[in-house]
Amino acid sequence: MGPHQTELLIQPGDRIFVAGHRGMAGSAIVRALRAGGYANLLTAERSSLDLLDPVAVNGWFEAHRPDVVVLAAAKVGGILANSTYPADFLLDNLKIQNHVIEGAWRHGVRRLLFLGSSCIYPKFADQPIREEALLTGALEPTNEWYAIAKIAGIELCRALRQQVGFDAISLMPTNLYGPGDNYHPTNSHVLPALIRRFHGAQLAGEPSVTCWGTGTPLREFLHVDDLGEACVFALERWQPAAADLQHLNVGTGLDLSIRELAESVAEATGYQGEILWDTTKPDGTPKKQLDVGRLAALGWRAQIPLAQGLASTVALFRQQLARGELRL
């Protein structure tokens, strides 16, 4: 921590509750906190604490009295799940957020970090997307219910800071990948889906792999361990003034085409066949990139290059596959 340790906004002795510690983001935040010397971590299994139950959440806060809370718990899913169960995505995420954020405030938590998502921004926001783009246009319809819930969480944190001085901040990560990712055949995101596809093709000796669309859309990818580090950095050092924005983007500031991504995954998996493109399939938004200037100005930048992150992610994917730990 160095000579400025006393100036940090959280301290090694703090009792830190990470809600959603088993998820991809939550587990990375736990790893980063432990690596940063924060040993007094509180976690709760879903079987022992149902975040959808306000009485249970209130009782848990009463019993454990955390000093700091990181809210990484959420109901997540792919496009199909979002469109099939819109009420579930909206209601469940609103409940989780409201119960944890209000519980933290009412039980004297000193500092709270709410984890949002880049899907909060308008579908046609100017690129790269600045934090000010929030609530300036229509959302992407494929995940609007999840996005609306996340926006409500950001605004609840802002309202509590404004009305009662509750120290709540929010971070908006770009597309994540790495340990704990979802490789499900129908509801995984683009990068794990490509890893799964190219690994299978390499194993089977397939002469070609066909990917959807033209390969031209541009996307940004952040290793989840970089997100974990960003969360610890923000908890320790970011204290927005009352009039400032209460949320910050987290990303690499770099994007690449889906075609380049597919080629990178092919390289990481050792696949040497041909990559074909089914241009009858939709491309989605042409470009989605976050402006990460604000976090960079505070002194934090992502450290894991995509090639390095992909290599370690593929290696972990294969280890877990061999041990029967992934549901494919």
Protein backbone atom coordinates (compact mmCIF):
# COMPACT_ATOMS: atom_id res chain seq x y z
CA MET A 1 0.00 0.00 0.00
CA GLY A 2 2.95 2.32 0.56
CA PRO A 3 3.21 5.50 2.62
CA HIS A 4 -0.29 6.72 1.65
CA GLN A 5 -2.09 3.81 3.32
CA THR A 6 -3.79 6.07 5.88
CA GLU A 7 -5.31 8.05 3.02
CA LEU A 8 -7.08 5.07 1.51
CA LEU A 9 -10.86 5.06 1.73
CA ILE A 10 -10.97 1.43 2.85
CA GLN A 11 -8.58 -0.23 5.28
CA PRO A 12 -7.11 -3.77 5.56
CA GLY A 13 -9.08 -4.41 8.76
CA ASP A 14 -12.46 -3.52 7.24
CA ARG A 15 -15.18 -6.15 7.14
CA ILE A 16 -15.97 -6.30 3.42
CA PHE A 17 -19.11 -8.05 2.17
CA VAL A 18 -18.94 -9.21 -1.47
CA ALA A 19 -22.47 -10.03 -2.60
CA GLY A 20 -22.35 -12.40 -5.57
CA HIS A 21 -18.91 -13.79 -4.67
CA ARG A 22 -19.41 -16.97 -6.71
CA GLY A 23 -20.13 -15.14 -9.96
CA MET A 24 -17.52 -14.29 -12.56
CA ALA A 25 -17.10 -10.67 -11.45
CA GLY A 26 -17.63 -11.31 -7.73
CA SER A 27 -15.00 -14.05 -7.55
CA ALA A 28 -12.48 -11.81 -9.36
CA ILE A 29 -13.19 -9.01 -6.86
CA VAL A 30 -12.61 -11.44 -3.98
CA ARG A 31 -9.26 -12.48 -5.53
CA ALA A 32 -8.22 -8.84 -5.97
CA LEU A 33 -9.21 -7.88 -2.42
CA ARG A 34 -7.25 -10.80 -0.96
CA ALA A 35 -4.23 -9.94 -3.10
CA GLY A 36 -4.51 -6.35 -1.82
CA GLY A 37 -4.27 -7.48 1.81
CA TYR A 38 -7.97 -7.43 2.67
CA ALA A 39 -8.44 -10.65 4.63
CA ASN A 40 -11.64 -9.83 6.54
CA LEU A 41 -14.04 -10.75 3.74
CA LEU A 42 -17.67 -11.68 4.30
CA THR A 43 -19.51 -13.88 1.82
CA ALA A 44 -22.83 -15.69 1.91
CA GLU A 45 -23.96 -18.67 -0.13
CA ARG A 46 -27.31 -18.34 -1.90
CA SER A 47 -28.60 -21.24 0.24
CA SER A 48 -27.96 -19.26 3.44
CA LEU A 49 -28.86 -15.75 2.23
CA ASP A 50 -31.56 -15.11 -0.37
CA LEU A 51 -30.96 -11.57 -1.63
CA LEU A 52 -34.54 -11.53 -2.99
CA ASP A 53 -35.83 -11.72 0.59
CA PRO A 54 -35.73 -8.30 2.33
CA VAL A 55 -36.20 -9.77 5.80
CA ALA A 56 -33.30 -12.18 5.29
CA VAL A 57 -31.04 -9.43 3.94
CA ASN A 58 -31.92 -7.11 6.83
CA GLY A 59 -31.21 -9.88 9.33
CA TRP A 60 -27.88 -10.67 7.70
CA PHE A 61 -26.74 -7.03 7.88
CA GLU A 62 -27.91 -6.87 11.50
CA ALA A 63 -25.87 -9.95 12.39
CA HIS A 64 -22.66 -9.29 10.41
CA ARG A 65 -22.34 -5.47 10.31
CA PRO A 66 -19.97 -5.06 7.34
CA ASP A 67 -17.98 -1.83 6.96
CA VAL A 68 -17.82 -2.02 3.16
CA VAL A 69 -20.13 -3.68 0.60
CA VAL A 70 -19.44 -4.69 -3.00
CA LEU A 71 -22.64 -5.53 -4.89
CA ALA A 72 -21.73 -7.89 -7.72
CA ALA A 73 -24.81 -10.11 -7.43
CA ALA A 74 -27.30 -10.04 -10.30
CA LYS A 75 -29.65 -12.20 -12.33
CA VAL A 76 -27.92 -12.53 -15.70
CA GLY A 77 -28.63 -14.32 -18.96
CA GLY A 78 -28.39 -14.16 -22.71
CA ILE A 79 -30.66 -12.56 -25.29
CA LEU A 80 -33.14 -15.45 -25.26
CA ALA A 81 -33.51 -15.40 -21.47
CA ASN A 82 -33.91 -11.62 -21.42
CA SER A 83 -36.64 -11.68 -24.06
CA THR A 84 -38.44 -14.69 -22.56
CA TYR A 85 -38.44 -13.54 -18.93
CA PRO A 86 -38.44 -9.70 -18.98
CA ALA A 87 -40.37 -9.37 -15.72
CA ASP A 88 -38.01 -11.77 -13.93
CA PHE A 89 -34.94 -9.85 -15.06
CA LEU A 90 -36.41 -6.53 -14.02
CA LEU A 91 -37.99 -7.62 -10.73
CA ASP A 92 -35.19 -9.89 -9.49
CA ASN A 93 -32.43 -7.38 -10.18
CA LEU A 94 -34.40 -4.50 -8.67
CA LYS A 95 -35.04 -6.56 -5.54
CA ILE A 96 -31.41 -7.65 -5.15
CA GLN A 97 -30.15 -4.08 -5.58
CA ASN A 98 -32.75 -2.40 -3.40
CA HIS A 99 -32.38 -4.90 -0.57
CA VAL A 100 -28.58 -4.79 -0.48
CA ILE A 101 -28.13 -1.04 -1.08
CA GLU A 102 -30.84 -0.01 1.39
CA GLY A 103 -29.65 -2.62 3.91
CA ALA A 104 -26.11 -1.30 3.66
CA TRP A 105 -27.21 2.29 4.20
CA ARG A 106 -29.56 1.51 7.09
CA HIS A 107 -26.95 -0.58 8.89
CA GLY A 108 -24.21 2.01 8.78
CA VAL A 109 -22.03 0.63 5.98
CA ARG A 110 -19.30 3.20 5.36
CA ARG A 111 -18.75 2.61 1.64
CA LEU A 112 -20.55 0.68 -1.11
CA LEU A 113 -19.56 -0.24 -4.66
CA PHE A 114 -22.34 -1.15 -7.10
CA LEU A 115 -21.34 -3.04 -10.22
CA GLY A 116 -23.32 -2.13 -13.31
CA SER A 117 -22.82 -2.93 -16.98
CA SER A 118 -22.05 -1.11 -20.21
CA CYS A 119 -25.53 -2.12 -21.45
CA ILE A 120 -26.91 0.85 -19.45
CA TYR A 121 -25.93 3.17 -22.29
CA PRO A 122 -28.14 4.03 -25.28
CA LYS A 123 -27.90 1.71 -28.28
CA PHE A 124 -26.79 4.58 -30.54
CA ALA A 125 -24.56 6.47 -28.09
CA ASP A 126 -21.61 8.38 -29.54
CA GLN A 127 -18.42 6.30 -29.56
CA PRO A 128 -16.40 5.86 -27.46
CA ILE A 129 -19.16 6.03 -24.86
CA ARG A 130 -18.68 8.61 -22.14
CA GLU A 131 -20.34 8.36 -18.73
CA GLU A 132 -22.56 11.34 -19.60
CA ALA A 133 -24.38 9.22 -22.23
CA LEU A 134 -26.49 7.61 -19.50
CA LEU A 135 -30.23 8.28 -20.03
CA THR A 136 -29.72 10.19 -23.30
CA GLY A 137 -31.38 7.68 -25.66
CA ALA A 138 -33.16 4.37 -26.22
CA LEU A 139 -31.57 1.15 -24.95
CA GLU A 140 -30.60 -1.96 -26.88
CA PRO A 141 -33.90 -3.96 -26.90
CA THR A 142 -32.22 -7.37 -26.42
CA ASN A 143 -31.23 -6.63 -22.82
CA GLU A 144 -33.25 -3.53 -21.91
CA TRP A 145 -34.86 -5.09 -18.81
CA TYR A 146 -31.49 -5.90 -17.26
CA ALA A 147 -30.21 -2.46 -18.28
CA ILE A 148 -33.19 -0.64 -16.73
CA ALA A 149 -32.61 -2.45 -13.44
CA LYS A 150 -28.91 -1.53 -13.49
CA ILE A 151 -29.74 2.11 -14.25
CA ALA A 152 -32.09 2.10 -11.25
CA GLY A 153 -29.22 0.82 -9.09
CA ILE A 154 -26.88 3.58 -10.23
CA GLU A 155 -29.54 6.20 -9.62
CA LEU A 156 -30.41 4.79 -6.18
CA CYS A 157 -26.75 5.09 -5.18
CA ARG A 158 -26.69 8.65 -6.49
CA ALA A 159 -29.95 9.56 -4.73
CA LEU A 160 -28.74 8.20 -1.39
CA ARG A 161 -25.48 10.14 -1.70
CA GLN A 162 -27.43 13.30 -2.53
CA GLN A 163 -30.11 12.95 0.15
CA VAL A 164 -28.32 11.36 3.11
CA GLY A 165 -24.62 11.45 2.20
CA PHE A 166 -24.33 7.65 1.81
CA ASP A 167 -20.93 6.87 0.24
CA ALA A 168 -22.00 4.75 -2.75
CA ILE A 169 -20.13 4.55 -6.06
CA SER A 170 -20.76 2.58 -9.26
CA LEU A 171 -18.54 1.03 -11.93
CA MET A 172 -19.65 0.09 -15.47
CA PRO A 173 -17.48 -2.66 -17.00
CA THR A 174 -17.28 -3.45 -20.70
CA ASN A 175 -17.51 -7.08 -22.00
CA LEU A 176 -15.77 -9.38 -19.53
CA TYR A 177 -13.95 -12.66 -20.08
CA GLY A 178 -11.74 -14.98 -18.07
CA PRO A 179 -12.12 -17.34 -15.08
CA GLY A 180 -15.72 -18.16 -14.20
CA ASP A 181 -17.12 -17.40 -17.66
CA ASN A 182 -20.22 -19.09 -19.05
CA TYR A 183 -19.62 -21.54 -21.91
CA HIS A 184 -23.23 -22.65 -22.34
CA PRO A 185 -24.01 -23.54 -25.98
CA THR A 186 -27.03 -21.23 -26.33
CA ASN A 187 -26.63 -18.36 -23.85
CA SER A 188 -22.90 -17.64 -23.64
CA HIS A 189 -21.46 -14.35 -24.88
CA VAL A 190 -19.39 -14.00 -28.02
CA LEU A 191 -15.90 -14.66 -26.65
CA PRO A 192 -16.61 -17.84 -24.62
CA ALA A 193 -18.80 -19.06 -27.51
CA LEU A 194 -15.83 -18.65 -29.87
CA ILE A 195 -13.47 -20.40 -27.46
CA ARG A 196 -15.84 -23.34 -27.19
CA ARG A 197 -16.36 -23.47 -30.98
CA PHE A 198 -12.69 -23.26 -31.97
CA HIS A 199 -11.59 -25.69 -29.27
CA GLY A 200 -14.11 -28.23 -30.56
CA ALA A 201 -13.04 -27.67 -34.18
CA GLN A 202 -9.37 -28.04 -33.28
CA LEU A 203 -10.11 -31.27 -31.40
CA ALA A 204 -12.20 -32.70 -34.24
CA GLY A 205 -9.82 -31.57 -36.98
CA GLU A 206 -12.59 -29.64 -38.75
CA PRO A 207 -11.40 -27.93 -41.97
CA SER A 208 -13.38 -24.75 -41.31
CA VAL A 209 -15.34 -22.83 -38.66
CA THR A 210 -18.30 -20.64 -39.63
CA CYS A 211 -18.94 -17.52 -37.56
CA TRP A 212 -22.02 -15.31 -37.65
CA GLY A 213 -22.19 -12.00 -39.51
CA THR A 214 -19.53 -10.15 -41.46
CA GLY A 215 -16.92 -10.00 -38.69
CA THR A 216 -16.75 -6.19 -38.96
CA PRO A 217 -18.43 -5.02 -35.70
CA LEU A 218 -15.98 -3.62 -33.16
CA ARG A 219 -16.04 -4.75 -29.54
CA GLU A 220 -13.99 -4.20 -26.38
CA PHE A 221 -13.00 -6.98 -23.97
CA LEU A 222 -11.72 -6.71 -20.39
CA HIS A 223 -10.17 -9.56 -18.44
CA VAL A 224 -12.24 -10.07 -15.30
CA ASP A 225 -9.12 -9.91 -13.10
CA ASP A 226 -8.51 -6.39 -14.41
CA LEU A 227 -12.07 -5.56 -13.33
CA GLY A 228 -11.29 -6.95 -9.87
CA GLU A 229 -8.25 -4.68 -9.62
CA ALA A 230 -10.30 -1.69 -10.83
CA CYS A 231 -12.90 -2.32 -8.11
CA VAL A 232 -10.25 -2.38 -5.38
CA PHE A 233 -8.63 0.76 -6.83
CA ALA A 234 -11.96 2.61 -6.89
CA LEU A 235 -12.85 1.51 -3.36
CA GLU A 236 -9.48 2.70 -2.09
CA ARG A 237 -9.07 5.94 -4.00
CA TRP A 238 -12.16 7.29 -5.80
CA GLN A 239 -14.30 9.74 -3.90
CA PRO A 240 -16.49 11.75 -6.28
CA ALA A 241 -17.62 15.19 -5.22
CA ALA A 242 -21.35 15.59 -4.69
CA ALA A 243 -21.84 17.32 -8.03
CA ASP A 244 -19.70 14.81 -9.99
CA LEU A 245 -20.81 11.74 -11.89
CA GLN A 246 -21.25 8.84 -9.50
CA HIS A 247 -20.34 6.12 -12.01
CA LEU A 248 -17.17 5.33 -13.96
CA ASN A 249 -16.53 3.20 -17.03
CA VAL A 250 -14.08 0.28 -16.76
CA GLY A 251 -12.47 -1.09 -19.90
CA THR A 252 -9.27 -1.28 -21.88
CA GLY A 253 -9.96 1.71 -24.13
CA LEU A 254 -9.14 -0.60 -27.07
CA ASP A 255 -11.51 -2.44 -29.36
CA LEU A 256 -11.08 -4.93 -32.19
CA SER A 257 -13.26 -6.43 -34.89
CA ILE A 258 -15.10 -9.70 -34.33
CA ARG A 259 -13.03 -11.04 -37.24
CA GLU A 260 -9.80 -10.16 -35.41
CA LEU A 261 -11.25 -11.68 -32.25
CA ALA A 262 -12.07 -14.94 -34.06
CA GLU A 263 -8.52 -15.06 -35.48
CA SER A 264 -7.09 -14.45 -31.98
CA VAL A 265 -9.21 -17.25 -30.49
CA ALA A 266 -8.17 -19.59 -33.33
CA GLU A 267 -4.54 -18.82 -32.50
CA ALA A 268 -5.07 -19.30 -28.76
CA THR A 269 -6.75 -22.69 -29.30
CA GLY A 270 -4.25 -23.84 -31.94
CA TYR A 271 -6.91 -24.08 -34.65
CA GLN A 272 -5.38 -23.79 -38.13
CA GLY A 273 -8.39 -24.32 -40.43
CA GLU A 274 -10.33 -21.73 -42.40
CA ILE A 275 -12.65 -19.15 -40.79
CA LEU A 276 -15.82 -18.56 -42.80
CA TRP A 277 -18.50 -15.89 -42.25
CA ASP A 278 -22.26 -16.39 -42.60
CA THR A 279 -23.28 -12.92 -43.75
CA THR A 280 -26.99 -13.82 -43.65
CA LYS A 281 -26.73 -13.63 -39.84
CA PRO A 282 -27.03 -10.26 -38.04
CA ASP A 283 -24.02 -8.22 -36.97
CA GLY A 284 -25.50 -6.19 -34.13
CA THR A 285 -24.25 -2.71 -33.22
CA PRO A 286 -21.32 -1.65 -35.47
CA LYS A 287 -19.16 -0.41 -32.59
CA LYS A 288 -19.34 -0.50 -28.82
CA GLN A 289 -16.42 0.96 -26.94
CA LEU A 290 -16.20 2.72 -23.58
CA ASP A 291 -14.37 5.96 -22.95
CA VAL A 292 -12.16 5.06 -19.98
CA GLY A 293 -10.45 8.45 -19.67
CA ARG A 294 -11.88 9.29 -16.26
CA LEU A 295 -10.56 6.15 -14.57
CA ALA A 296 -7.23 6.56 -16.37
CA ALA A 297 -6.98 10.13 -15.06
CA LEU A 298 -7.36 8.75 -11.53
CA GLY A 299 -4.39 6.44 -12.15
CA TRP A 300 -5.84 3.07 -13.18
CA ARG A 301 -5.45 1.24 -16.49
CA ALA A 302 -6.10 -2.36 -17.53
CA GLN A 303 -2.94 -4.50 -17.36
CA ILE A 304 -3.78 -7.79 -19.14
CA PRO A 305 -3.33 -7.71 -22.94
CA LEU A 306 -5.94 -9.67 -24.89
CA ALA A 307 -3.45 -12.21 -26.28
CA GLN A 308 -2.18 -13.02 -22.78
CA GLY A 309 -5.71 -13.11 -21.33
CA LEU A 310 -6.99 -15.36 -24.10
CA ALA A 311 -4.10 -17.82 -23.70
CA SER A 312 -4.71 -18.18 -19.94
CA THR A 313 -8.49 -18.37 -20.43
CA VAL A 314 -8.22 -21.14 -23.03
CA ALA A 315 -5.79 -23.06 -20.79
CA LEU A 316 -8.20 -22.79 -17.84
CA PHE A 317 -11.17 -23.75 -20.06
CA ARG A 318 -9.35 -26.93 -21.12
CA GLN A 319 -8.35 -27.80 -17.55
CA GLN A 320 -11.93 -27.39 -16.33
CA LEU A 321 -13.25 -29.37 -19.29
CA ALA A 322 -10.85 -32.22 -18.55
CA ARG A 323 -11.90 -32.24 -14.88
CA GLY A 324 -15.60 -32.25 -15.83
CA GLU A 325 -16.19 -28.86 -14.18
CA LEU A 326 -17.89 -27.18 -17.16
CA ARG A 327 -21.43 -27.86 -18.25
CA LEU A 328 -21.35 -28.02 -22.02
